């Protein structure tokens, strides 16, 4: 599952804020299935167990957590590492940080 969803043959759009947790959950499940349970639990807590004042606050915390996972978990499978990089880039675009 990827954050971009096909609308038509040539148009892409970002997942909605309601759909974004599903994207994070998919990455969380992949991390857990490859033995990265601590990292998977961190993403689960951020998305499902914490309350956020604004969506930017949630996206900011997710970006920090994903970046930490990317930097500290050098043994990530390539497909998960690629997905994490794409998510970070998407968060930057959503929040217009970069």
Protein backbone atom coordinates (compact mmCIF):
# COMPACT_ATOMS: atom_id res chain seq x y z
CA UNK A 1 0.00 0.00 0.00
CA UNK A 2 1.36 3.40 -0.87
CA UNK A 3 0.27 6.90 0.04
CA UNK A 4 -0.50 7.72 -3.58
CA UNK A 5 -3.75 6.35 -4.91
CA UNK A 6 -4.73 6.09 -8.54
CA UNK A 7 -7.61 8.30 -9.50
CA UNK A 8 -7.48 7.80 -13.23
CA UNK A 9 -4.82 6.55 -15.56
CA UNK A 10 -2.80 9.77 -15.36
CA UNK A 11 -3.74 11.43 -12.06
CA UNK A 12 -2.43 10.68 -8.59
CA UNK A 13 -3.50 12.14 -5.28
CA UNK A 14 -2.31 11.81 -1.72
CA UNK A 15 -4.23 9.60 0.66
CA UNK A 16 -6.70 11.55 2.76
CA UNK A 17 -6.04 12.23 6.42
CA UNK A 18 -8.48 9.40 7.18
CA UNK A 19 -6.49 7.05 4.94
CA UNK A 20 -3.05 8.05 6.14
CA UNK A 21 -3.16 5.86 9.31
CA UNK A 22 -3.74 2.83 7.09
CA UNK A 23 -0.54 3.65 5.21
CA UNK A 24 1.40 3.93 8.47
CA UNK A 25 -0.20 0.69 9.72
CA UNK A 26 0.99 -1.12 6.58
CA UNK A 27 4.57 0.01 7.23
CA UNK A 28 4.17 -0.90 10.91
CA UNK A 29 3.03 -4.41 9.96
CA UNK A 30 6.00 -4.84 7.61
CA UNK A 31 8.39 -3.68 10.33
CA UNK A 32 6.84 -6.09 12.84
CA UNK A 33 6.98 -9.03 10.46
CA UNK A 34 10.71 -8.41 9.90
CA UNK A 35 11.56 -8.33 13.61
CA UNK A 36 11.48 -4.58 14.19
CA UNK A 37 8.85 -4.78 16.92
CA UNK A 38 10.07 -1.73 18.88
CA UNK A 39 9.85 0.46 15.80
CA UNK A 40 6.46 -1.00 14.90
CA UNK A 41 5.14 -0.32 18.41
CA UNK A 42 6.35 3.29 18.25
CA UNK A 43 4.40 3.91 15.04
CA UNK A 44 1.31 2.23 16.50
CA UNK A 45 1.42 4.43 19.60
CA UNK A 46 1.85 7.60 17.56
CA UNK A 47 -1.12 6.87 15.31
CA UNK A 48 -3.55 5.07 17.62
CA UNK A 49 -2.76 5.82 21.26
CA UNK A 50 -1.87 9.50 21.36
CA UNK A 51 -4.04 12.57 20.95
CA UNK A 52 -2.86 15.38 18.71
CA UNK A 53 -3.92 19.01 18.68
CA UNK A 54 -3.29 19.45 14.95
CA UNK A 55 -2.55 17.22 12.01
CA UNK A 56 0.78 19.02 11.56
CA UNK A 57 1.74 17.93 15.06
CA UNK A 58 0.96 14.30 14.19
CA UNK A 59 2.79 14.50 10.86
CA UNK A 60 5.78 16.12 12.56
CA UNK A 61 6.03 13.34 15.15
CA UNK A 62 5.58 10.68 12.47
CA UNK A 63 8.32 12.27 10.39
CA UNK A 64 10.69 12.27 13.37
CA UNK A 65 9.90 8.64 14.19
CA UNK A 66 10.26 7.48 10.58
CA UNK A 67 13.53 9.36 10.19
CA UNK A 68 14.86 7.81 13.41
CA UNK A 69 13.89 4.33 12.19
CA UNK A 70 15.56 5.00 8.84
CA UNK A 71 18.81 6.19 10.43
CA UNK A 72 19.08 3.74 13.32
CA UNK A 73 17.89 0.56 11.62
CA UNK A 74 20.55 0.01 8.99
CA UNK A 75 19.47 -3.59 8.48
CA UNK A 76 16.01 -2.66 7.18
CA UNK A 77 14.95 -4.60 4.10
CA UNK A 78 15.27 -2.38 1.01
CA UNK A 79 11.51 -2.30 0.31
CA UNK A 80 10.75 -1.04 3.84
CA UNK A 81 13.56 1.52 3.70
CA UNK A 82 12.20 2.79 0.38
CA UNK A 83 8.66 3.00 1.78
CA UNK A 84 9.90 4.97 4.78
CA UNK A 85 11.77 7.43 2.55
CA UNK A 86 8.63 7.89 0.45
CA UNK A 87 6.52 8.50 3.54
CA UNK A 88 8.94 11.13 4.83
CA UNK A 89 8.89 12.85 1.45
CA UNK A 90 5.09 12.69 1.36
CA UNK A 91 4.80 14.17 4.85
CA UNK A 92 7.07 17.01 3.75
CA UNK A 93 4.79 17.63 0.77
CA UNK A 94 1.60 17.41 2.83
CA UNK A 95 2.90 19.92 5.35
CA UNK A 96 4.80 21.94 2.74
CA UNK A 97 7.94 21.80 4.87
CA UNK A 98 10.33 21.29 1.98
